[in-house]
Amino acid sequence: MNHGRYLSGLLLGIGLLFWAAIPRIERETTRIRLLTTVVVVGGLCRLLGVVLGDPLSPSVAGALAMELVVTPLLCLGQSRLRPRD
């Protein structure tokens, strides 16, 4: 179970870094893109697991939706907020 706690801690850290970007989100493009990349890569690995035979439970499907759809859409939305030079 120690490994599960470690991974939960990583997800918490990623979430806190996203949260910390909110006050200046229009200027946090690099941070948002980096965190989005990390989340999408994790989602792609989860999807690979499903393709290779892991069960697609409702919680896994929800996580995949957040990782591969919602997070990239939020990143796209943030890019529309950034100031133009």
PDB file of N, CA and C in Angstrom:
ATOM      1  N   MET A   1       0.813  -1.201   0.000  1.00  0.00           N
ATOM      2  CA  MET A   1       0.000   0.000   0.000  1.00  0.00           C
ATOM      3  C   MET A   1       0.853   1.260   0.000  1.00  0.00           C
ATOM      4  N   ASN A   2       2.092   1.154   0.375  1.00  0.00           N
ATOM      5  CA  ASN A   2       2.987   2.299   0.402  1.00  0.00           C
ATOM      6  C   ASN A   2       3.091   2.936  -0.980  1.00  0.00           C
ATOM      7  N   HIS A   3       3.136   2.124  -2.025  1.00  0.00           N
ATOM      8  CA  HIS A   3       3.230   2.636  -3.387  1.00  0.00           C
ATOM      9  C   HIS A   3       1.975   3.436  -3.750  1.00  0.00           C
ATOM     10  N   GLY A   4       0.825   2.956  -3.323  1.00  0.00           N
ATOM     11  CA  GLY A   4      -0.426   3.672  -3.570  1.00  0.00           C
ATOM     12  C   GLY A   4      -0.438   5.037  -2.905  1.00  0.00           C
ATOM     13  N   ARG A   5       0.088   5.126  -1.688  1.00  0.00           N
ATOM     14  CA  ARG A   5       0.162   6.414  -0.992  1.00  0.00           C
ATOM     15  C   ARG A   5       1.113   7.361  -1.719  1.00  0.00           C
ATOM     16  N   TYR A   6       2.215   6.825  -2.196  1.00  0.00           N
ATOM     17  CA  TYR A   6       3.177   7.641  -2.941  1.00  0.00           C
ATOM     18  C   TYR A   6       2.517   8.225  -4.189  1.00  0.00           C
ATOM     19  N   LEU A   7       1.827   7.378  -4.952  1.00  0.00           N
ATOM     20  CA  LEU A   7       1.169   7.859  -6.170  1.00  0.00           C
ATOM     21  C   LEU A   7       0.060   8.853  -5.847  1.00  0.00           C
ATOM     22  N   SER A   8      -0.662   8.628  -4.763  1.00  0.00           N
ATOM     23  CA  SER A   8      -1.684   9.589  -4.337  1.00  0.00           C
ATOM     24  C   SER A   8      -1.048  10.918  -3.972  1.00  0.00           C
ATOM     25  N   GLY A   9       0.107  10.873  -3.352  1.00  0.00           N
ATOM     26  CA  GLY A   9       0.833  12.094  -3.018  1.00  0.00           C
ATOM     27  C   GLY A   9       1.274  12.849  -4.258  1.00  0.00           C
ATOM     28  N   LEU A  10       1.707  12.116  -5.276  1.00  0.00           N
ATOM     29  CA  LEU A  10       2.077  12.769  -6.539  1.00  0.00           C
ATOM     30  C   LEU A  10       0.874  13.464  -7.163  1.00  0.00           C
ATOM     31  N   LEU A  11      -0.263  12.787  -7.171  1.00  0.00           N
ATOM     32  CA  LEU A  11      -1.474  13.394  -7.724  1.00  0.00           C
ATOM     33  C   LEU A  11      -1.898  14.611  -6.918  1.00  0.00           C
ATOM     34  N   LEU A  12      -1.772  14.537  -5.613  1.00  0.00           N
ATOM     35  CA  LEU A  12      -2.078  15.687  -4.771  1.00  0.00           C
ATOM     36  C   LEU A  12      -1.151  16.858  -5.113  1.00  0.00           C
ATOM     37  N   GLY A  13       0.136  16.568  -5.276  1.00  0.00           N
ATOM     38  CA  GLY A  13       1.095  17.614  -5.641  1.00  0.00           C
ATOM     39  C   GLY A  13       0.758  18.260  -6.973  1.00  0.00           C
ATOM     40  N   ILE A  14       0.391  17.452  -7.950  1.00  0.00           N
ATOM     41  CA  ILE A  14       0.006  17.988  -9.261  1.00  0.00           C
ATOM     42  C   ILE A  14      -1.225  18.876  -9.110  1.00  0.00           C
ATOM     43  N   GLY A  15      -2.205  18.415  -8.359  1.00  0.00           N
ATOM     44  CA  GLY A  15      -3.410  19.212  -8.140  1.00  0.00           C
ATOM     45  C   GLY A  15      -3.112  20.524  -7.433  1.00  0.00           C
ATOM     46  N   LEU A  16      -2.238  20.494  -6.430  1.00  0.00           N
ATOM     47  CA  LEU A  16      -1.875  21.721  -5.725  1.00  0.00           C
ATOM     48  C   LEU A  16      -1.128  22.698  -6.633  1.00  0.00           C
ATOM     49  N   LEU A  17      -0.295  22.181  -7.514  1.00  0.00           N
ATOM     50  CA  LEU A  17       0.400  23.061  -8.464  1.00  0.00           C
ATOM     51  C   LEU A  17      -0.575  23.700  -9.444  1.00  0.00           C
ATOM     52  N   PHE A  18      -1.566  22.941  -9.907  1.00  0.00           N
ATOM     53  CA  PHE A  18      -2.623  23.533 -10.729  1.00  0.00           C
ATOM     54  C   PHE A  18      -3.343  24.622  -9.931  1.00  0.00           C
ATOM     55  N   TRP A  19      -3.727  24.305  -8.693  1.00  0.00           N
ATOM     56  CA  TRP A  19      -4.477  25.238  -7.848  1.00  0.00           C
ATOM     57  C   TRP A  19      -3.676  26.532  -7.617  1.00  0.00           C
ATOM     58  N   ALA A  20      -2.369  26.391  -7.378  1.00  0.00           N
ATOM     59  CA  ALA A  20      -1.524  27.561  -7.123  1.00  0.00           C
ATOM     60  C   ALA A  20      -1.423  28.475  -8.345  1.00  0.00           C
ATOM     61  N   ALA A  21      -1.684  27.940  -9.520  1.00  0.00           N
ATOM     62  CA  ALA A  21      -1.601  28.741 -10.743  1.00  0.00           C
ATOM     63  C   ALA A  21      -2.838  29.606 -10.965  1.00  0.00           C
ATOM     64  N   ILE A  22      -3.918  29.323 -10.254  1.00  0.00           N
ATOM     65  CA  ILE A  22      -5.190  30.008 -10.518  1.00  0.00           C
ATOM     66  C   ILE A  22      -5.113  31.527 -10.388  1.00  0.00           C
ATOM     67  N   PRO A  23      -4.503  32.079  -9.332  1.00  0.00           N
ATOM     68  CA  PRO A  23      -4.534  33.544  -9.204  1.00  0.00           C
ATOM     69  C   PRO A  23      -3.913  34.296 -10.394  1.00  0.00           C
ATOM     70  N   ARG A  24      -2.937  33.698 -11.046  1.00  0.00           N
ATOM     71  CA  ARG A  24      -2.292  34.340 -12.204  1.00  0.00           C
ATOM     72  C   ARG A  24      -2.359  33.406 -13.410  1.00  0.00           C
ATOM     73  N   ILE A  25      -3.475  32.766 -13.591  1.00  0.00           N
ATOM     74  CA  ILE A  25      -3.572  31.708 -14.599  1.00  0.00           C
ATOM     75  C   ILE A  25      -3.256  32.201 -16.010  1.00  0.00           C
ATOM     76  N   GLU A  26      -3.563  33.446 -16.285  1.00  0.00           N
ATOM     77  CA  GLU A  26      -3.280  33.960 -17.628  1.00  0.00           C
ATOM     78  C   GLU A  26      -1.781  34.046 -17.904  1.00  0.00           C
ATOM     79  N   ARG A  27      -0.965  34.023 -16.867  1.00  0.00           N
ATOM     80  CA  ARG A  27       0.496  34.103 -17.024  1.00  0.00           C
ATOM     81  C   ARG A  27       1.205  32.789 -16.707  1.00  0.00           C
ATOM     82  N   GLU A  28       0.466  31.742 -16.445  1.00  0.00           N
ATOM     83  CA  GLU A  28       1.043  30.457 -16.032  1.00  0.00           C
ATOM     84  C   GLU A  28       1.020  29.415 -17.148  1.00  0.00           C
ATOM     85  N   THR A  29       1.183  29.846 -18.381  1.00  0.00           N
ATOM     86  CA  THR A  29       1.093  28.944 -19.528  1.00  0.00           C
ATOM     87  C   THR A  29       2.089  27.794 -19.440  1.00  0.00           C
ATOM     88  N   THR A  30       3.328  28.089 -19.118  1.00  0.00           N
ATOM     89  CA  THR A  30       4.346  27.036 -19.063  1.00  0.00           C
ATOM     90  C   THR A  30       3.999  25.997 -18.008  1.00  0.00           C
ATOM     91  N   ARG A  31       3.615  26.456 -16.819  1.00  0.00           N
ATOM     92  CA  ARG A  31       3.270  25.523 -15.738  1.00  0.00           C
ATOM     93  C   ARG A  31       2.063  24.674 -16.126  1.00  0.00           C
ATOM     94  N   ILE A  32       1.021  25.314 -16.663  1.00  0.00           N
ATOM     95  CA  ILE A  32      -0.196  24.584 -17.025  1.00  0.00           C
ATOM     96  C   ILE A  32       0.107  23.557 -18.109  1.00  0.00           C
ATOM     97  N   ARG A  33       0.890  23.924 -19.101  1.00  0.00           N
ATOM     98  CA  ARG A  33       1.223  22.966 -20.168  1.00  0.00           C
ATOM     99  C   ARG A  33       2.061  21.804 -19.647  1.00  0.00           C
ATOM    100  N   LEU A  34       3.007  22.086 -18.776  1.00  0.00           N
ATOM    101  CA  LEU A  34       3.835  21.017 -18.209  1.00  0.00           C
ATOM    102  C   LEU A  34       2.982  20.056 -17.383  1.00  0.00           C
ATOM    103  N   LEU A  35       2.147  20.589 -16.499  1.00  0.00           N
ATOM    104  CA  LEU A  35       1.293  19.734 -15.677  1.00  0.00           C
ATOM    105  C   LEU A  35       0.303  18.955 -16.534  1.00  0.00           C
ATOM    106  N   THR A  36      -0.236  19.600 -17.562  1.00  0.00           N
ATOM    107  CA  THR A  36      -1.157  18.905 -18.463  1.00  0.00           C
ATOM    108  C   THR A  36      -0.447  17.749 -19.162  1.00  0.00           C
ATOM    109  N   THR A  37       0.783  17.964 -19.582  1.00  0.00           N
ATOM    110  CA  THR A  37       1.551  16.902 -20.230  1.00  0.00           C
ATOM    111  C   THR A  37       1.732  15.715 -19.286  1.00  0.00           C
ATOM    112  N   VAL A  38       2.061  15.995 -18.034  1.00  0.00           N
ATOM    113  CA  VAL A  38       2.231  14.925 -17.049  1.00  0.00           C
ATOM    114  C   VAL A  38       0.922  14.142 -16.874  1.00  0.00           C
ATOM    115  N   VAL A  39      -0.186  14.856 -16.758  1.00  0.00           N
ATOM    116  CA  VAL A  39      -1.485  14.212 -16.563  1.00  0.00           C
ATOM    117  C   VAL A  39      -1.875  13.384 -17.793  1.00  0.00           C
ATOM    118  N   VAL A  40      -1.662  13.926 -18.992  1.00  0.00           N
ATOM    119  CA  VAL A  40      -2.025  13.205 -20.217  1.00  0.00           C
ATOM    120  C   VAL A  40      -1.157  11.957 -20.392  1.00  0.00           C
ATOM    121  N   VAL A  41       0.128  12.056 -20.106  1.00  0.00           N
ATOM    122  CA  VAL A  41       0.994  10.873 -20.210  1.00  0.00           C
ATOM    123  C   VAL A  41       0.509   9.796 -19.238  1.00  0.00           C
ATOM    124  N   GLY A  42       0.154  10.199 -18.021  1.00  0.00           N
ATOM    125  CA  GLY A  42      -0.408   9.229 -17.074  1.00  0.00           C
ATOM    126  C   GLY A  42      -1.696   8.608 -17.586  1.00  0.00           C
ATOM    127  N   GLY A  43      -2.544   9.429 -18.203  1.00  0.00           N
ATOM    128  CA  GLY A  43      -3.787   8.919 -18.770  1.00  0.00           C
ATOM    129  C   GLY A  43      -3.551   7.957 -19.916  1.00  0.00           C
ATOM    130  N   LEU A  44      -2.572   8.262 -20.740  1.00  0.00           N
ATOM    131  CA  LEU A  44      -2.244   7.352 -21.848  1.00  0.00           C
ATOM    132  C   LEU A  44      -1.739   6.017 -21.322  1.00  0.00           C
ATOM    133  N   CYS A  45      -0.974   6.044 -20.236  1.00  0.00           N
ATOM    134  CA  CYS A  45      -0.513   4.793 -19.622  1.00  0.00           C
ATOM    135  C   CYS A  45      -1.686   4.020 -19.034  1.00  0.00           C
ATOM    136  N   ARG A  46      -2.632   4.739 -18.419  1.00  0.00           N
ATOM    137  CA  ARG A  46      -3.823   4.072 -17.887  1.00  0.00           C
ATOM    138  C   ARG A  46      -4.623   3.451 -19.030  1.00  0.00           C
ATOM    139  N   LEU A  47      -4.769   4.186 -20.136  1.00  0.00           N
ATOM    140  CA  LEU A  47      -5.490   3.684 -21.306  1.00  0.00           C
ATOM    141  C   LEU A  47      -4.799   2.451 -21.879  1.00  0.00           C
ATOM    142  N   LEU A  48      -3.481   2.465 -21.926  1.00  0.00           N
ATOM    143  CA  LEU A  48      -2.730   1.298 -22.393  1.00  0.00           C
ATOM    144  C   LEU A  48      -3.047   0.083 -21.515  1.00  0.00           C
ATOM    145  N   GLY A  49      -3.129   0.307 -20.212  1.00  0.00           N
ATOM    146  CA  GLY A  49      -3.486  -0.784 -19.315  1.00  0.00           C
ATOM    147  C   GLY A  49      -4.842  -1.379 -19.656  1.00  0.00           C
ATOM    148  N   VAL A  50      -5.805  -0.518 -19.967  1.00  0.00           N
ATOM    149  CA  VAL A  50      -7.146  -1.005 -20.340  1.00  0.00           C
ATOM    150  C   VAL A  50      -7.069  -1.790 -21.642  1.00  0.00           C
ATOM    151  N   VAL A  51      -6.328  -1.266 -22.612  1.00  0.00           N
ATOM    152  CA  VAL A  51      -6.178  -1.959 -23.893  1.00  0.00           C
ATOM    153  C   VAL A  51      -5.527  -3.333 -23.688  1.00  0.00           C
ATOM    154  N   LEU A  52      -4.615  -3.416 -22.744  1.00  0.00           N
ATOM    155  CA  LEU A  52      -3.916  -4.675 -22.483  1.00  0.00           C
ATOM    156  C   LEU A  52      -4.684  -5.619 -21.556  1.00  0.00           C
ATOM    157  N   GLY A  53      -5.875  -5.200 -21.102  1.00  0.00           N
ATOM    158  CA  GLY A  53      -6.695  -6.131 -20.344  1.00  0.00           C
ATOM    159  C   GLY A  53      -7.116  -5.709 -18.957  1.00  0.00           C
ATOM    160  N   ASP A  54      -6.644  -4.561 -18.465  1.00  0.00           N
ATOM    161  CA  ASP A  54      -7.136  -4.097 -17.161  1.00  0.00           C
ATOM    162  C   ASP A  54      -8.631  -3.808 -17.278  1.00  0.00           C
ATOM    163  N   PRO A  55      -9.381  -4.051 -16.216  1.00  0.00           N
ATOM    164  CA  PRO A  55     -10.833  -3.798 -16.295  1.00  0.00           C
ATOM    165  C   PRO A  55     -11.143  -2.299 -16.402  1.00  0.00           C
ATOM    166  N   LEU A  56     -12.150  -1.979 -17.201  1.00  0.00           N
ATOM    167  CA  LEU A  56     -12.601  -0.596 -17.361  1.00  0.00           C
ATOM    168  C   LEU A  56     -13.782  -0.377 -16.419  1.00  0.00           C
ATOM    169  N   SER A  57     -13.465  -0.086 -15.174  1.00  0.00           N
ATOM    170  CA  SER A  57     -14.497   0.182 -14.171  1.00  0.00           C
ATOM    171  C   SER A  57     -14.968   1.627 -14.323  1.00  0.00           C
ATOM    172  N   PRO A  58     -16.074   1.979 -13.690  1.00  0.00           N
ATOM    173  CA  PRO A  58     -16.526   3.376 -13.755  1.00  0.00           C
ATOM    174  C   PRO A  58     -15.479   4.366 -13.234  1.00  0.00           C
ATOM    175  N   SER A  59     -14.738   4.003 -12.204  1.00  0.00           N
ATOM    176  CA  SER A  59     -13.716   4.920 -11.682  1.00  0.00           C
ATOM    177  C   SER A  59     -12.560   5.084 -12.664  1.00  0.00           C
ATOM    178  N   VAL A  60     -12.186   4.017 -13.344  1.00  0.00           N
ATOM    179  CA  VAL A  60     -11.129   4.109 -14.354  1.00  0.00           C
ATOM    180  C   VAL A  60     -11.613   4.947 -15.538  1.00  0.00           C
ATOM    181  N   ALA A  61     -12.845   4.734 -15.972  1.00  0.00           N
ATOM    182  CA  ALA A  61     -13.398   5.522 -17.078  1.00  0.00           C
ATOM    183  C   ALA A  61     -13.454   7.002 -16.709  1.00  0.00           C
ATOM    184  N   GLY A  62     -13.842   7.301 -15.480  1.00  0.00           N
ATOM    185  CA  GLY A  62     -13.875   8.694 -15.030  1.00  0.00           C
ATOM    186  C   GLY A  62     -12.494   9.316 -15.002  1.00  0.00           C
ATOM    187  N   ALA A  63     -11.531   8.556 -14.506  1.00  0.00           N
ATOM    188  CA  ALA A  63     -10.157   9.061 -14.476  1.00  0.00           C
ATOM    189  C   ALA A  63      -9.644   9.312 -15.890  1.00  0.00           C
ATOM    190  N   LEU A  64      -9.929   8.381 -16.809  1.00  0.00           N
ATOM    191  CA  LEU A  64      -9.506   8.562 -18.203  1.00  0.00           C
ATOM    192  C   LEU A  64     -10.140   9.817 -18.812  1.00  0.00           C
ATOM    193  N   ALA A  65     -11.403  10.042 -18.522  1.00  0.00           N
ATOM    194  CA  ALA A  65     -12.078  11.237 -19.044  1.00  0.00           C
ATOM    195  C   ALA A  65     -11.411  12.503 -18.518  1.00  0.00           C
ATOM    196  N   MET A  66     -11.088  12.524 -17.235  1.00  0.00           N
ATOM    197  CA  MET A  66     -10.426  13.698 -16.653  1.00  0.00           C
ATOM    198  C   MET A  66      -9.029  13.891 -17.234  1.00  0.00           C
ATOM    199  N   GLU A  67      -8.291  12.799 -17.388  1.00  0.00           N
ATOM    200  CA  GLU A  67      -6.900  12.879 -17.821  1.00  0.00           C
ATOM    201  C   GLU A  67      -6.757  13.166 -19.311  1.00  0.00           C
ATOM    202  N   LEU A  68      -7.656  12.612 -20.120  1.00  0.00           N
ATOM    203  CA  LEU A  68      -7.477  12.709 -21.570  1.00  0.00           C
ATOM    204  C   LEU A  68      -8.431  13.691 -22.250  1.00  0.00           C
ATOM    205  N   VAL A  69      -9.432  14.182 -21.516  1.00  0.00           N
ATOM    206  CA  VAL A  69     -10.382  15.130 -22.120  1.00  0.00           C
ATOM    207  C   VAL A  69     -10.429  16.439 -21.337  1.00  0.00           C
ATOM    208  N   VAL A  70     -10.785  16.359 -20.057  1.00  0.00           N
ATOM    209  CA  VAL A  70     -11.009  17.573 -19.274  1.00  0.00           C
ATOM    210  C   VAL A  70      -9.721  18.379 -19.093  1.00  0.00           C
ATOM    211  N   THR A  71      -8.635  17.742 -18.678  1.00  0.00           N
ATOM    212  CA  THR A  71      -7.392  18.473 -18.443  1.00  0.00           C
ATOM    213  C   THR A  71      -6.874  19.137 -19.720  1.00  0.00           C
ATOM    214  N   PRO A  72      -6.831  18.436 -20.871  1.00  0.00           N
ATOM    215  CA  PRO A  72      -6.406  19.136 -22.092  1.00  0.00           C
ATOM    216  C   PRO A  72      -7.339  20.295 -22.473  1.00  0.00           C
ATOM    217  N   LEU A  73      -8.644  20.144 -22.236  1.00  0.00           N
ATOM    218  CA  LEU A  73      -9.565  21.245 -22.530  1.00  0.00           C
ATOM    219  C   LEU A  73      -9.305  22.445 -21.621  1.00  0.00           C
ATOM    220  N   LEU A  74      -9.001  22.190 -20.357  1.00  0.00           N
ATOM    221  CA  LEU A  74      -8.648  23.290 -19.457  1.00  0.00           C
ATOM    222  C   LEU A  74      -7.358  23.982 -19.913  1.00  0.00           C
ATOM    223  N   CYS A  75      -6.400  23.210 -20.366  1.00  0.00           N
ATOM    224  CA  CYS A  75      -5.152  23.781 -20.877  1.00  0.00           C
ATOM    225  C   CYS A  75      -5.430  24.648 -22.104  1.00  0.00           C
ATOM    226  N   LEU A  76      -6.260  24.156 -22.982  1.00  0.00           N
ATOM    227  CA  LEU A  76      -6.630  24.925 -24.167  1.00  0.00           C
ATOM    228  C   LEU A  76      -7.335  26.218 -23.762  1.00  0.00           C
ATOM    229  N   GLY A  77      -8.229  26.134 -22.790  1.00  0.00           N
ATOM    230  CA  GLY A  77      -8.918  27.319 -22.305  1.00  0.00           C
ATOM    231  C   GLY A  77      -7.962  28.326 -21.684  1.00  0.00           C
ATOM    232  N   GLN A  78      -6.975  27.831 -20.937  1.00  0.00           N
ATOM    233  CA  GLN A  78      -5.992  28.724 -20.331  1.00  0.00           C
ATOM    234  C   GLN A  78      -5.199  29.453 -21.401  1.00  0.00           C
ATOM    235  N   SER A  79      -4.879  28.779 -22.491  1.00  0.00           N
ATOM    236  CA  SER A  79      -4.083  29.423 -23.539  1.00  0.00           C
ATOM    237  C   SER A  79      -4.837  30.591 -24.177  1.00  0.00           C
ATOM    238  N   ARG A  80      -6.154  30.561 -24.090  1.00  0.00           N
ATOM    239  CA  ARG A  80      -6.948  31.670 -24.632  1.00  0.00           C
ATOM    240  C   ARG A  80      -6.957  32.860 -23.678  1.00  0.00           C
ATOM    241  N   LEU A  81      -6.580  32.651 -22.404  1.00  0.00           N
ATOM    242  CA  LEU A  81      -6.543  33.728 -21.421  1.00  0.00           C
ATOM    243  C   LEU A  81      -5.237  34.487 -21.413  1.00  0.00           C
ATOM    244  N   ARG A  82      -4.178  33.874 -21.905  1.00  0.00           N
ATOM    245  CA  ARG A  82      -2.861  34.500 -21.786  1.00  0.00           C
ATOM    246  C   ARG A  82      -2.817  35.802 -22.570  1.00  0.00           C
ATOM    247  N   PRO A  83      -2.055  36.754 -22.040  1.00  0.00           N
ATOM    248  CA  PRO A  83      -1.966  38.054 -22.710  1.00  0.00           C
ATOM    249  C   PRO A  83      -1.229  37.940 -24.049  1.00  0.00           C
ATOM    250  N   ARG A  84      -1.653  38.687 -24.987  1.00  0.00           N
ATOM    251  CA  ARG A  84      -1.002  38.715 -26.302  1.00  0.00           C
ATOM    252  C   ARG A  84       0.069  39.801 -26.300  1.00  0.00           C
ATOM    253  N   ASP A  85       1.208  39.485 -26.874  1.00  0.00           N
ATOM    254  CA  ASP A  85       2.306  40.480 -26.949  1.00  0.00           C
ATOM    255  C   ASP A  85       2.135  41.411 -28.117  1.00  0.00           C
TER     256      ASP A  85
END
